[in-house]
Every structure is written in C-alpha cells, then in structure tokens.
Amino acid sequence: MADIYNLTDKVLQRLGVLGAEETSSDVDKDKALEGLKAAHYALSGEDLLRWTMSDIPDEMIDAYVSIAAFNVKNDFNAPVGAEIVGIAMKQVRNYVMAVKADAPAPVEFF
C-alpha cells in the first residue's frame, strides 16, 4: 500500500523533471500532489475507488502516477500524451473488477 504523499517524486520522475538521485523542491512536490489528488478525485467521480489516499494498492501506483503526470504536464512543459490516461483508467477498471470478482457473493436466506 502507498500513501499519496509518497508518490510525488514518482510523478516528477515520470515528467522527466527529476532524476533518480535528485531531490525535488517543495513547489514541485506541491504541484505533483495536486495532480495526484486530482487523479484520486477523478477515480472517485467514476465510482472506481475502493481505497483511500492513505492506502493506495501497489497495483494502482503506476496508474495514479500516470494520471497525475498528465494533470500537471502544463506546469512542467512536459510532453505527456492523453493516451496515458486511457491506459491508466483501463488498469484501474480491470483492478476494480478483479477485486469485485474476488469478493464473496451476498446471500439471502428465505
């Protein structure tokens, strides 16, 4: 599980503005966090959330980072295409459907 606050550097790396050994500025982290929160709220709007900002499943980290990178690309003049969001949303939908499939079926007794 991941916390949304721990994903900011991954977003900045995806945008190409932060190297592996570099330290991000507070301003850049704040912008990345805005993108991550927007990604979370977008998933909520699509009724795809089964987690909170504090317990993002490891399988969803890449999707969050991709959507967040797209959300803040203009702030960093980064060339991030819209197709990345479509791929990320498909990952999320597939994950949510798999989680639903694993859930026990409700039973009604008559």
PDB file of N, CA and C in Angstrom:
ATOM      1  N   MET A   1       0.837  -1.174   0.000  1.00  0.00           N
ATOM      2  CA  MET A   1       0.000   0.000   0.000  1.00  0.00           C
ATOM      3  C   MET A   1       0.890   1.249   0.000  1.00  0.00           C
ATOM      4  N   ALA A   2       0.389   2.268  -0.649  1.00  0.00           N
ATOM      5  CA  ALA A   2       1.135   3.526  -0.736  1.00  0.00           C
ATOM      6  C   ALA A   2       0.279   4.681  -0.243  1.00  0.00           C
ATOM      7  N   ASP A   3       0.948   5.681   0.211  1.00  0.00           N
ATOM      8  CA  ASP A   3       0.309   6.922   0.628  1.00  0.00           C
ATOM      9  C   ASP A   3       0.500   7.933  -0.505  1.00  0.00           C
ATOM     10  N   ILE A   4      -0.524   8.698  -0.800  1.00  0.00           N
ATOM     11  CA  ILE A   4      -0.470   9.626  -1.925  1.00  0.00           C
ATOM     12  C   ILE A   4       0.686  10.629  -1.788  1.00  0.00           C
ATOM     13  N   TYR A   5       1.037  10.952  -0.551  1.00  0.00           N
ATOM     14  CA  TYR A   5       2.113  11.918  -0.318  1.00  0.00           C
ATOM     15  C   TYR A   5       3.488  11.351  -0.667  1.00  0.00           C
ATOM     16  N   ASN A   6       3.595  10.030  -0.716  1.00  0.00           N
ATOM     17  CA  ASN A   6       4.867   9.398  -1.045  1.00  0.00           C
ATOM     18  C   ASN A   6       5.054   9.182  -2.545  1.00  0.00           C
ATOM     19  N   LEU A   7       4.078   9.564  -3.347  1.00  0.00           N
ATOM     20  CA  LEU A   7       4.160   9.338  -4.787  1.00  0.00           C
ATOM     21  C   LEU A   7       4.601  10.565  -5.579  1.00  0.00           C
ATOM     22  N   THR A   8       4.819  11.692  -4.910  1.00  0.00           N
ATOM     23  CA  THR A   8       5.126  12.929  -5.625  1.00  0.00           C
ATOM     24  C   THR A   8       6.408  12.822  -6.445  1.00  0.00           C
ATOM     25  N   ASP A   9       7.451  12.226  -5.893  1.00  0.00           N
ATOM     26  CA  ASP A   9       8.704  12.104  -6.643  1.00  0.00           C
ATOM     27  C   ASP A   9       8.539  11.212  -7.867  1.00  0.00           C
ATOM     28  N   LYS A  10       7.701  10.186  -7.762  1.00  0.00           N
ATOM     29  CA  LYS A  10       7.446   9.316  -8.921  1.00  0.00           C
ATOM     30  C   LYS A  10       6.779  10.104 -10.052  1.00  0.00           C
ATOM     31  N   VAL A  11       5.873  11.004  -9.693  1.00  0.00           N
ATOM     32  CA  VAL A  11       5.222  11.842 -10.702  1.00  0.00           C
ATOM     33  C   VAL A  11       6.257  12.729 -11.374  1.00  0.00           C
ATOM     34  N   LEU A  12       7.109  13.348 -10.588  1.00  0.00           N
ATOM     35  CA  LEU A  12       8.135  14.240 -11.138  1.00  0.00           C
ATOM     36  C   LEU A  12       9.127  13.473 -12.009  1.00  0.00           C
ATOM     37  N   GLN A  13       9.437  12.248 -11.635  1.00  0.00           N
ATOM     38  CA  GLN A  13      10.307  11.422 -12.471  1.00  0.00           C
ATOM     39  C   GLN A  13       9.614  11.050 -13.774  1.00  0.00           C
ATOM     40  N   ARG A  14       8.324  10.735 -13.715  1.00  0.00           N
ATOM     41  CA  ARG A  14       7.569  10.394 -14.926  1.00  0.00           C
ATOM     42  C   ARG A  14       7.553  11.575 -15.894  1.00  0.00           C
ATOM     43  N   LEU A  15       7.503  12.795 -15.338  1.00  0.00           N
ATOM     44  CA  LEU A  15       7.507  14.002 -16.160  1.00  0.00           C
ATOM     45  C   LEU A  15       8.896  14.325 -16.710  1.00  0.00           C
ATOM     46  N   GLY A  16       9.911  13.683 -16.158  1.00  0.00           N
ATOM     47  CA  GLY A  16      11.272  13.929 -16.619  1.00  0.00           C
ATOM     48  C   GLY A  16      11.920  15.157 -16.001  1.00  0.00           C
ATOM     49  N   VAL A  17      11.367  15.663 -14.930  1.00  0.00           N
ATOM     50  CA  VAL A  17      11.927  16.856 -14.284  1.00  0.00           C
ATOM     51  C   VAL A  17      12.746  16.510 -13.045  1.00  0.00           C
ATOM     52  N   LEU A  18      12.786  15.248 -12.681  1.00  0.00           N
ATOM     53  CA  LEU A  18      13.529  14.831 -11.503  1.00  0.00           C
ATOM     54  C   LEU A  18      14.286  13.557 -11.831  1.00  0.00           C
ATOM     55  N   GLY A  19      15.593  13.586 -11.617  1.00  0.00           N
ATOM     56  CA  GLY A  19      16.416  12.403 -11.830  1.00  0.00           C
ATOM     57  C   GLY A  19      16.333  11.472 -10.644  1.00  0.00           C
ATOM     58  N   ALA A  20      16.881  10.283 -10.797  1.00  0.00           N
ATOM     59  CA  ALA A  20      16.790   9.266  -9.759  1.00  0.00           C
ATOM     60  C   ALA A  20      17.480   9.684  -8.462  1.00  0.00           C
ATOM     61  N   GLU A  21      18.561  10.412  -8.544  1.00  0.00           N
ATOM     62  CA  GLU A  21      19.316  10.797  -7.349  1.00  0.00           C
ATOM     63  C   GLU A  21      19.064  12.239  -6.929  1.00  0.00           C
ATOM     64  N   GLU A  22      18.184  12.935  -7.604  1.00  0.00           N
ATOM     65  CA  GLU A  22      17.911  14.339  -7.303  1.00  0.00           C
ATOM     66  C   GLU A  22      16.852  14.485  -6.214  1.00  0.00           C
ATOM     67  N   THR A  23      16.837  15.661  -5.613  1.00  0.00           N
ATOM     68  CA  THR A  23      15.841  15.993  -4.598  1.00  0.00           C
ATOM     69  C   THR A  23      14.878  17.008  -5.191  1.00  0.00           C
ATOM     70  N   SER A  24      13.595  16.794  -4.986  1.00  0.00           N
ATOM     71  CA  SER A  24      12.594  17.704  -5.549  1.00  0.00           C
ATOM     72  C   SER A  24      12.382  18.904  -4.633  1.00  0.00           C
ATOM     73  N   SER A  25      11.975  20.014  -5.249  1.00  0.00           N
ATOM     74  CA  SER A  25      11.674  21.210  -4.464  1.00  0.00           C
ATOM     75  C   SER A  25      10.273  21.084  -3.870  1.00  0.00           C
ATOM     76  N   ASP A  26      10.013  21.861  -2.838  1.00  0.00           N
ATOM     77  CA  ASP A  26       8.683  21.842  -2.216  1.00  0.00           C
ATOM     78  C   ASP A  26       7.610  22.304  -3.197  1.00  0.00           C
ATOM     79  N   VAL A  27       7.947  23.270  -4.040  1.00  0.00           N
ATOM     80  CA  VAL A  27       6.983  23.778  -5.024  1.00  0.00           C
ATOM     81  C   VAL A  27       6.624  22.678  -6.019  1.00  0.00           C
ATOM     82  N   ASP A  28       7.631  21.958  -6.510  1.00  0.00           N
ATOM     83  CA  ASP A  28       7.371  20.868  -7.455  1.00  0.00           C
ATOM     84  C   ASP A  28       6.572  19.756  -6.797  1.00  0.00           C
ATOM     85  N   LYS A  29       6.898  19.446  -5.538  1.00  0.00           N
ATOM     86  CA  LYS A  29       6.149  18.402  -4.823  1.00  0.00           C
ATOM     87  C   LYS A  29       4.691  18.808  -4.650  1.00  0.00           C
ATOM     88  N   ASP A  30       4.462  20.082  -4.348  1.00  0.00           N
ATOM     89  CA  ASP A  30       3.088  20.556  -4.181  1.00  0.00           C
ATOM     90  C   ASP A  30       2.293  20.425  -5.474  1.00  0.00           C
ATOM     91  N   LYS A  31       2.927  20.750  -6.598  1.00  0.00           N
ATOM     92  CA  LYS A  31       2.243  20.616  -7.893  1.00  0.00           C
ATOM     93  C   LYS A  31       1.944  19.153  -8.199  1.00  0.00           C
ATOM     94  N   ALA A  32       2.908  18.284  -7.920  1.00  0.00           N
ATOM     95  CA  ALA A  32       2.695  16.854  -8.147  1.00  0.00           C
ATOM     96  C   ALA A  32       1.575  16.330  -7.249  1.00  0.00           C
ATOM     97  N   LEU A  33       1.542  16.807  -6.008  1.00  0.00           N
ATOM     98  CA  LEU A  33       0.488  16.390  -5.084  1.00  0.00           C
ATOM     99  C   LEU A  33      -0.883  16.839  -5.576  1.00  0.00           C
ATOM    100  N   GLU A  34      -0.968  18.031  -6.130  1.00  0.00           N
ATOM    101  CA  GLU A  34      -2.233  18.497  -6.718  1.00  0.00           C
ATOM    102  C   GLU A  34      -2.684  17.546  -7.814  1.00  0.00           C
ATOM    103  N   GLY A  35      -1.752  17.115  -8.659  1.00  0.00           N
ATOM    104  CA  GLY A  35      -2.084  16.175  -9.730  1.00  0.00           C
ATOM    105  C   GLY A  35      -2.537  14.834  -9.194  1.00  0.00           C
ATOM    106  N   LEU A  36      -1.896  14.369  -8.137  1.00  0.00           N
ATOM    107  CA  LEU A  36      -2.284  13.098  -7.525  1.00  0.00           C
ATOM    108  C   LEU A  36      -3.668  13.177  -6.895  1.00  0.00           C
ATOM    109  N   LYS A  37      -3.931  14.269  -6.208  1.00  0.00           N
ATOM    110  CA  LYS A  37      -5.258  14.435  -5.612  1.00  0.00           C
ATOM    111  C   LYS A  37      -6.326  14.525  -6.694  1.00  0.00           C
ATOM    112  N   ALA A  38      -6.025  15.229  -7.771  1.00  0.00           N
ATOM    113  CA  ALA A  38      -6.978  15.318  -8.879  1.00  0.00           C
ATOM    114  C   ALA A  38      -7.238  13.934  -9.476  1.00  0.00           C
ATOM    115  N   ALA A  39      -6.197  13.114  -9.557  1.00  0.00           N
ATOM    116  CA  ALA A  39      -6.365  11.745 -10.049  1.00  0.00           C
ATOM    117  C   ALA A  39      -7.286  10.955  -9.118  1.00  0.00           C
ATOM    118  N   HIS A  40      -7.061  11.099  -7.823  1.00  0.00           N
ATOM    119  CA  HIS A  40      -7.894  10.399  -6.838  1.00  0.00           C
ATOM    120  C   HIS A  40      -9.359  10.824  -6.949  1.00  0.00           C
ATOM    121  N   TYR A  41      -9.585  12.123  -7.056  1.00  0.00           N
ATOM    122  CA  TYR A  41     -10.964  12.622  -7.163  1.00  0.00           C
ATOM    123  C   TYR A  41     -11.612  12.207  -8.481  1.00  0.00           C
ATOM    124  N   ALA A  42     -10.818  12.121  -9.545  1.00  0.00           N
ATOM    125  CA  ALA A  42     -11.358  11.662 -10.829  1.00  0.00           C
ATOM    126  C   ALA A  42     -11.815  10.212 -10.726  1.00  0.00           C
ATOM    127  N   LEU A  43     -11.024   9.390 -10.052  1.00  0.00           N
ATOM    128  CA  LEU A  43     -11.423   7.991  -9.860  1.00  0.00           C
ATOM    129  C   LEU A  43     -12.662   7.892  -8.987  1.00  0.00           C
ATOM    130  N   SER A  44     -12.754   8.770  -8.006  1.00  0.00           N
ATOM    131  CA  SER A  44     -13.945   8.806  -7.160  1.00  0.00           C
ATOM    132  C   SER A  44     -15.169   9.173  -7.983  1.00  0.00           C
ATOM    133  N   GLY A  45     -15.020  10.137  -8.875  1.00  0.00           N
ATOM    134  CA  GLY A  45     -16.121  10.563  -9.737  1.00  0.00           C
ATOM    135  C   GLY A  45     -16.598   9.466 -10.673  1.00  0.00           C
ATOM    136  N   GLU A  46     -15.695   8.549 -11.001  1.00  0.00           N
ATOM    137  CA  GLU A  46     -16.046   7.414 -11.857  1.00  0.00           C
ATOM    138  C   GLU A  46     -16.540   6.215 -11.029  1.00  0.00           C
ATOM    139  N   ASP A  47     -16.641   6.399  -9.704  1.00  0.00           N
ATOM    140  CA  ASP A  47     -17.059   5.343  -8.779  1.00  0.00           C
ATOM    141  C   ASP A  47     -16.126   4.132  -8.845  1.00  0.00           C
ATOM    142  N   LEU A  48     -14.808   4.424  -8.920  1.00  0.00           N
ATOM    143  CA  LEU A  48     -13.824   3.356  -9.018  1.00  0.00           C
ATOM    144  C   LEU A  48     -12.969   3.185  -7.767  1.00  0.00           C
ATOM    145  N   LEU A  49     -13.221   3.967  -6.754  1.00  0.00           N
ATOM    146  CA  LEU A  49     -12.377   3.894  -5.567  1.00  0.00           C
ATOM    147  C   LEU A  49     -12.846   2.807  -4.616  1.00  0.00           C
ATOM    148  N   ARG A  50     -11.888   2.022  -4.179  1.00  0.00           N
ATOM    149  CA  ARG A  50     -12.109   1.023  -3.138  1.00  0.00           C
ATOM    150  C   ARG A  50     -11.041   1.193  -2.064  1.00  0.00           C
ATOM    151  N   TRP A  51     -10.419   2.376  -2.025  1.00  0.00           N
ATOM    152  CA  TRP A  51      -9.320   2.669  -1.115  1.00  0.00           C
ATOM    153  C   TRP A  51      -9.305   4.160  -0.822  1.00  0.00           C
ATOM    154  N   THR A  52      -8.448   4.562   0.093  1.00  0.00           N
ATOM    155  CA  THR A  52      -8.306   5.978   0.437  1.00  0.00           C
ATOM    156  C   THR A  52      -6.961   6.488  -0.074  1.00  0.00           C
ATOM    157  N   MET A  53      -6.707   7.786   0.127  1.00  0.00           N
ATOM    158  CA  MET A  53      -5.426   8.364  -0.280  1.00  0.00           C
ATOM    159  C   MET A  53      -4.272   7.804   0.542  1.00  0.00           C
ATOM    160  N   SER A  54      -4.579   7.200   1.663  1.00  0.00           N
ATOM    161  CA  SER A  54      -3.538   6.676   2.547  1.00  0.00           C
ATOM    162  C   SER A  54      -3.225   5.199   2.328  1.00  0.00           C
ATOM    163  N   ASP A  55      -4.039   4.511   1.559  1.00  0.00           N
ATOM    164  CA  ASP A  55      -3.800   3.079   1.338  1.00  0.00           C
ATOM    165  C   ASP A  55      -4.046   2.680  -0.117  1.00  0.00           C
ATOM    166  N   ILE A  56      -3.356   3.340  -1.015  1.00  0.00           N
ATOM    167  CA  ILE A  56      -3.472   3.044  -2.445  1.00  0.00           C
ATOM    168  C   ILE A  56      -2.803   1.685  -2.698  1.00  0.00           C
ATOM    169  N   PRO A  57      -3.506   0.756  -3.318  1.00  0.00           N
ATOM    170  CA  PRO A  57      -2.906  -0.549  -3.597  1.00  0.00           C
ATOM    171  C   PRO A  57      -1.661  -0.411  -4.477  1.00  0.00           C
ATOM    172  N   ASP A  58      -0.685  -1.251  -4.224  1.00  0.00           N
ATOM    173  CA  ASP A  58       0.559  -1.207  -5.007  1.00  0.00           C
ATOM    174  C   ASP A  58       0.289  -1.340  -6.506  1.00  0.00           C
ATOM    175  N   GLU A  59      -0.736  -2.100  -6.859  1.00  0.00           N
ATOM    176  CA  GLU A  59      -1.071  -2.303  -8.271  1.00  0.00           C
ATOM    177  C   GLU A  59      -1.578  -1.024  -8.931  1.00  0.00           C
ATOM    178  N   MET A  60      -1.978  -0.046  -8.145  1.00  0.00           N
ATOM    179  CA  MET A  60      -2.544   1.194  -8.673  1.00  0.00           C
ATOM    180  C   MET A  60      -1.552   2.365  -8.704  1.00  0.00           C
ATOM    181  N   ILE A  61      -0.359   2.156  -8.190  1.00  0.00           N
ATOM    182  CA  ILE A  61       0.615   3.243  -8.128  1.00  0.00           C
ATOM    183  C   ILE A  61       0.927   3.793  -9.513  1.00  0.00           C
ATOM    184  N   ASP A  62       1.196   2.917 -10.462  1.00  0.00           N
ATOM    185  CA  ASP A  62       1.546   3.375 -11.811  1.00  0.00           C
ATOM    186  C   ASP A  62       0.401   4.157 -12.447  1.00  0.00           C
ATOM    187  N   ALA A  63      -0.825   3.710 -12.233  1.00  0.00           N
ATOM    188  CA  ALA A  63      -1.984   4.417 -12.784  1.00  0.00           C
ATOM    189  C   ALA A  63      -2.108   5.807 -12.173  1.00  0.00           C
ATOM    190  N   TYR A  64      -1.957   5.905 -10.863  1.00  0.00           N
ATOM    191  CA  TYR A  64      -2.015   7.212 -10.190  1.00  0.00           C
ATOM    192  C   TYR A  64      -0.938   8.147 -10.729  1.00  0.00           C
ATOM    193  N   VAL A  65       0.267   7.634 -10.831  1.00  0.00           N
ATOM    194  CA  VAL A  65       1.391   8.449 -11.300  1.00  0.00           C
ATOM    195  C   VAL A  65       1.149   8.921 -12.731  1.00  0.00           C
ATOM    196  N   SER A  66       0.637   8.052 -13.574  1.00  0.00           N
ATOM    197  CA  SER A  66       0.370   8.415 -14.967  1.00  0.00           C
ATOM    198  C   SER A  66      -0.700   9.501 -15.076  1.00  0.00           C
ATOM    199  N   ILE A  67      -1.786   9.328 -14.364  1.00  0.00           N
ATOM    200  CA  ILE A  67      -2.869  10.313 -14.415  1.00  0.00           C
ATOM    201  C   ILE A  67      -2.401  11.641 -13.835  1.00  0.00           C
ATOM    202  N   ALA A  68      -1.669  11.589 -12.723  1.00  0.00           N
ATOM    203  CA  ALA A  68      -1.163  12.811 -12.102  1.00  0.00           C
ATOM    204  C   ALA A  68      -0.185  13.535 -13.027  1.00  0.00           C
ATOM    205  N   ALA A  69       0.669  12.786 -13.699  1.00  0.00           N
ATOM    206  CA  ALA A  69       1.620  13.400 -14.633  1.00  0.00           C
ATOM    207  C   ALA A  69       0.873  14.132 -15.739  1.00  0.00           C
ATOM    208  N   PHE A  70      -0.176  13.518 -16.236  1.00  0.00           N
ATOM    209  CA  PHE A  70      -0.973  14.189 -17.265  1.00  0.00           C
ATOM    210  C   PHE A  70      -1.633  15.445 -16.710  1.00  0.00           C
ATOM    211  N   ASN A  71      -2.120  15.364 -15.483  1.00  0.00           N
ATOM    212  CA  ASN A  71      -2.814  16.500 -14.867  1.00  0.00           C
ATOM    213  C   ASN A  71      -1.926  17.729 -14.709  1.00  0.00           C
ATOM    214  N   VAL A  72      -0.646  17.529 -14.470  1.00  0.00           N
ATOM    215  CA  VAL A  72       0.248  18.666 -14.206  1.00  0.00           C
ATOM    216  C   VAL A  72       1.277  18.890 -15.309  1.00  0.00           C
ATOM    217  N   LYS A  73       1.120  18.253 -16.437  1.00  0.00           N
ATOM    218  CA  LYS A  73       2.111  18.357 -17.510  1.00  0.00           C
ATOM    219  C   LYS A  73       2.351  19.792 -17.953  1.00  0.00           C
ATOM    220  N   ASN A  74       1.318  20.621 -17.969  1.00  0.00           N
ATOM    221  CA  ASN A  74       1.488  22.002 -18.417  1.00  0.00           C
ATOM    222  C   ASN A  74       2.322  22.826 -17.446  1.00  0.00           C
ATOM    223  N   ASP A  75       2.276  22.485 -16.168  1.00  0.00           N
ATOM    224  CA  ASP A  75       3.085  23.191 -15.177  1.00  0.00           C
ATOM    225  C   ASP A  75       4.574  22.959 -15.391  1.00  0.00           C
ATOM    226  N   PHE A  76       4.917  21.850 -16.031  1.00  0.00           N
ATOM    227  CA  PHE A  76       6.314  21.490 -16.228  1.00  0.00           C
ATOM    228  C   PHE A  76       6.707  21.452 -17.708  1.00  0.00           C
ATOM    229  N   ASN A  77       5.800  21.862 -18.585  1.00  0.00           N
ATOM    230  CA  ASN A  77       6.045  21.818 -20.027  1.00  0.00           C
ATOM    231  C   ASN A  77       6.526  20.439 -20.467  1.00  0.00           C
ATOM    232  N   ALA A  78       5.881  19.424 -19.953  1.00  0.00           N
ATOM    233  CA  ALA A  78       6.261  18.043 -20.245  1.00  0.00           C
ATOM    234  C   ALA A  78       5.352  17.458 -21.324  1.00  0.00           C
ATOM    235  N   PRO A  79       5.938  16.708 -22.240  1.00  0.00           N
ATOM    236  CA  PRO A  79       5.141  16.103 -23.318  1.00  0.00           C
ATOM    237  C   PRO A  79       4.496  14.789 -22.887  1.00  0.00           C
ATOM    238  N   VAL A  80       3.373  14.888 -22.220  1.00  0.00           N
ATOM    239  CA  VAL A  80       2.636  13.698 -21.776  1.00  0.00           C
ATOM    240  C   VAL A  80       1.348  13.621 -22.580  1.00  0.00           C
ATOM    241  N   GLY A  81       1.183  12.539 -23.317  1.00  0.00           N
ATOM    242  CA  GLY A  81       0.011  12.387 -24.177  1.00  0.00           C
ATOM    243  C   GLY A  81      -1.218  11.907 -23.421  1.00  0.00           C
ATOM    244  N   ALA A  82      -2.369  12.205 -23.988  1.00  0.00           N
ATOM    245  CA  ALA A  82      -3.645  11.826 -23.367  1.00  0.00           C
ATOM    246  C   ALA A  82      -3.839  10.312 -23.312  1.00  0.00           C
ATOM    247  N   GLU A  83      -3.169   9.579 -24.191  1.00  0.00           N
ATOM    248  CA  GLU A  83      -3.348   8.124 -24.205  1.00  0.00           C
ATOM    249  C   GLU A  83      -2.895   7.488 -22.892  1.00  0.00           C
ATOM    250  N   ILE A  84      -2.001   8.144 -22.195  1.00  0.00           N
ATOM    251  CA  ILE A  84      -1.522   7.617 -20.917  1.00  0.00           C
ATOM    252  C   ILE A  84      -2.667   7.540 -19.895  1.00  0.00           C
ATOM    253  N   VAL A  85      -3.595   8.475 -19.966  1.00  0.00           N
ATOM    254  CA  VAL A  85      -4.740   8.469 -19.052  1.00  0.00           C
ATOM    255  C   VAL A  85      -5.676   7.314 -19.390  1.00  0.00           C
ATOM    256  N   GLY A  86      -5.901   7.093 -20.656  1.00  0.00           N
ATOM    257  CA  GLY A  86      -6.757   5.976 -21.073  1.00  0.00           C
ATOM    258  C   GLY A  86      -6.207   4.636 -20.623  1.00  0.00           C
ATOM    259  N   ILE A  87      -4.906   4.463 -20.758  1.00  0.00           N
ATOM    260  CA  ILE A  87      -4.268   3.217 -20.318  1.00  0.00           C
ATOM    261  C   ILE A  87      -4.386   3.068 -18.804  1.00  0.00           C
ATOM    262  N   ALA A  88      -4.140   4.156 -18.086  1.00  0.00           N
ATOM    263  CA  ALA A  88      -4.222   4.118 -16.620  1.00  0.00           C
ATOM    264  C   ALA A  88      -5.644   3.817 -16.161  1.00  0.00           C
ATOM    265  N   MET A  89      -6.620   4.440 -16.773  1.00  0.00           N
ATOM    266  CA  MET A  89      -8.013   4.188 -16.383  1.00  0.00           C
ATOM    267  C   MET A  89      -8.401   2.736 -16.654  1.00  0.00           C
ATOM    268  N   LYS A  90      -7.897   2.180 -17.728  1.00  0.00           N
ATOM    269  CA  LYS A  90      -8.174   0.772 -18.024  1.00  0.00           C
ATOM    270  C   LYS A  90      -7.559  -0.119 -16.945  1.00  0.00           C
ATOM    271  N   GLN A  91      -6.340   0.218 -16.497  1.00  0.00           N
ATOM    272  CA  GLN A  91      -5.708  -0.539 -15.412  1.00  0.00           C
ATOM    273  C   GLN A  91      -6.570  -0.496 -14.152  1.00  0.00           C
ATOM    274  N   VAL A  92      -7.068   0.683 -13.831  1.00  0.00           N
ATOM    275  CA  VAL A  92      -7.883   0.842 -12.627  1.00  0.00           C
ATOM    276  C   VAL A  92      -9.170   0.034 -12.748  1.00  0.00           C
ATOM    277  N   ARG A  93      -9.847   0.156 -13.879  1.00  0.00           N
ATOM    278  CA  ARG A  93     -11.104  -0.589 -14.064  1.00  0.00           C
ATOM    279  C   ARG A  93     -10.878  -2.096 -13.963  1.00  0.00           C
ATOM    280  N   ASN A  94      -9.803  -2.575 -14.577  1.00  0.00           N
ATOM    281  CA  ASN A  94      -9.501  -4.005 -14.515  1.00  0.00           C
ATOM    282  C   ASN A  94      -9.217  -4.448 -13.086  1.00  0.00           C
ATOM    283  N   TYR A  95      -8.497  -3.628 -12.349  1.00  0.00           N
ATOM    284  CA  TYR A  95      -8.188  -3.958 -10.957  1.00  0.00           C
ATOM    285  C   TYR A  95      -9.470  -3.995 -10.115  1.00  0.00           C
ATOM    286  N   VAL A  96     -10.302  -2.988 -10.283  1.00  0.00           N
ATOM    287  CA  VAL A  96     -11.543  -2.917  -9.503  1.00  0.00           C
ATOM    288  C   VAL A  96     -12.441  -4.101  -9.833  1.00  0.00           C
ATOM    289  N   MET A  97     -12.525  -4.471 -11.096  1.00  0.00           N
ATOM    290  CA  MET A  97     -13.358  -5.618 -11.475  1.00  0.00           C
ATOM    291  C   MET A  97     -12.801  -6.906 -10.884  1.00  0.00           C
ATOM    292  N   ALA A  98     -11.479  -7.045 -10.843  1.00  0.00           N
ATOM    293  CA  ALA A  98     -10.875  -8.244 -10.264  1.00  0.00           C
ATOM    294  C   ALA A  98     -11.136  -8.298  -8.760  1.00  0.00           C
ATOM    295  N   VAL A  99     -11.070  -7.171  -8.099  1.00  0.00           N
ATOM    296  CA  VAL A  99     -11.342  -7.126  -6.661  1.00  0.00           C
ATOM    297  C   VAL A  99     -12.796  -7.481  -6.396  1.00  0.00           C
ATOM    298  N   LYS A 100     -13.706  -6.956  -7.225  1.00  0.00           N
ATOM    299  CA  LYS A 100     -15.127  -7.285  -7.063  1.00  0.00           C
ATOM    300  C   LYS A 100     -15.366  -8.773  -7.290  1.00  0.00           C
ATOM    301  N   ALA A 101     -14.661  -9.363  -8.262  1.00  0.00           N
ATOM    302  CA  ALA A 101     -14.849 -10.775  -8.577  1.00  0.00           C
ATOM    303  C   ALA A 101     -14.380 -11.666  -7.433  1.00  0.00           C
ATOM    304  N   ASP A 102     -13.381 -11.198  -6.690  1.00  0.00           N
ATOM    305  CA  ASP A 102     -12.868 -11.973  -5.562  1.00  0.00           C
ATOM    306  C   ASP A 102     -13.716 -11.840  -4.304  1.00  0.00           C
ATOM    307  N   ALA A 103     -14.565 -10.843  -4.281  1.00  0.00           N
ATOM    308  CA  ALA A 103     -15.387 -10.611  -3.090  1.00  0.00           C
ATOM    309  C   ALA A 103     -16.451 -11.697  -2.965  1.00  0.00           C
ATOM    310  N   PRO A 104     -16.795 -12.083  -1.756  1.00  0.00           N
ATOM    311  CA  PRO A 104     -17.841 -13.088  -1.592  1.00  0.00           C
ATOM    312  C   PRO A 104     -19.193 -12.569  -2.070  1.00  0.00           C
ATOM    313  N   ALA A 105     -19.946 -13.444  -2.638  1.00  0.00           N
ATOM    314  CA  ALA A 105     -21.285 -13.071  -3.124  1.00  0.00           C
ATOM    315  C   ALA A 105     -22.243 -12.974  -1.936  1.00  0.00           C
ATOM    316  N   PRO A 106     -23.060 -11.933  -1.922  1.00  0.00           N
ATOM    317  CA  PRO A 106     -24.039 -11.826  -0.832  1.00  0.00           C
ATOM    318  C   PRO A 106     -25.092 -12.930  -0.950  1.00  0.00           C
ATOM    319  N   VAL A 107     -25.530 -13.397   0.193  1.00  0.00           N
ATOM    320  CA  VAL A 107     -26.512 -14.489   0.230  1.00  0.00           C
ATOM    321  C   VAL A 107     -27.748 -13.983   0.947  1.00  0.00           C
ATOM    322  N   GLU A 108     -28.915 -14.334   0.381  1.00  0.00           N
ATOM    323  CA  GLU A 108     -30.181 -14.006   1.026  1.00  0.00           C
ATOM    324  C   GLU A 108     -30.857 -15.313   1.426  1.00  0.00           C
ATOM    325  N   PHE A 109     -31.284 -15.364   2.653  1.00  0.00           N
ATOM    326  CA  PHE A 109     -31.996 -16.558   3.118  1.00  0.00           C
ATOM    327  C   PHE A 109     -33.501 -16.260   3.140  1.00  0.00           C
ATOM    328  N   PHE A 110     -34.272 -17.227   2.692  1.00  0.00           N
ATOM    329  CA  PHE A 110     -35.722 -17.071   2.642  1.00  0.00           C
ATOM    330  C   PHE A 110     -36.398 -17.910   3.669  1.00  0.00           C
TER     331      PHE A 110
END
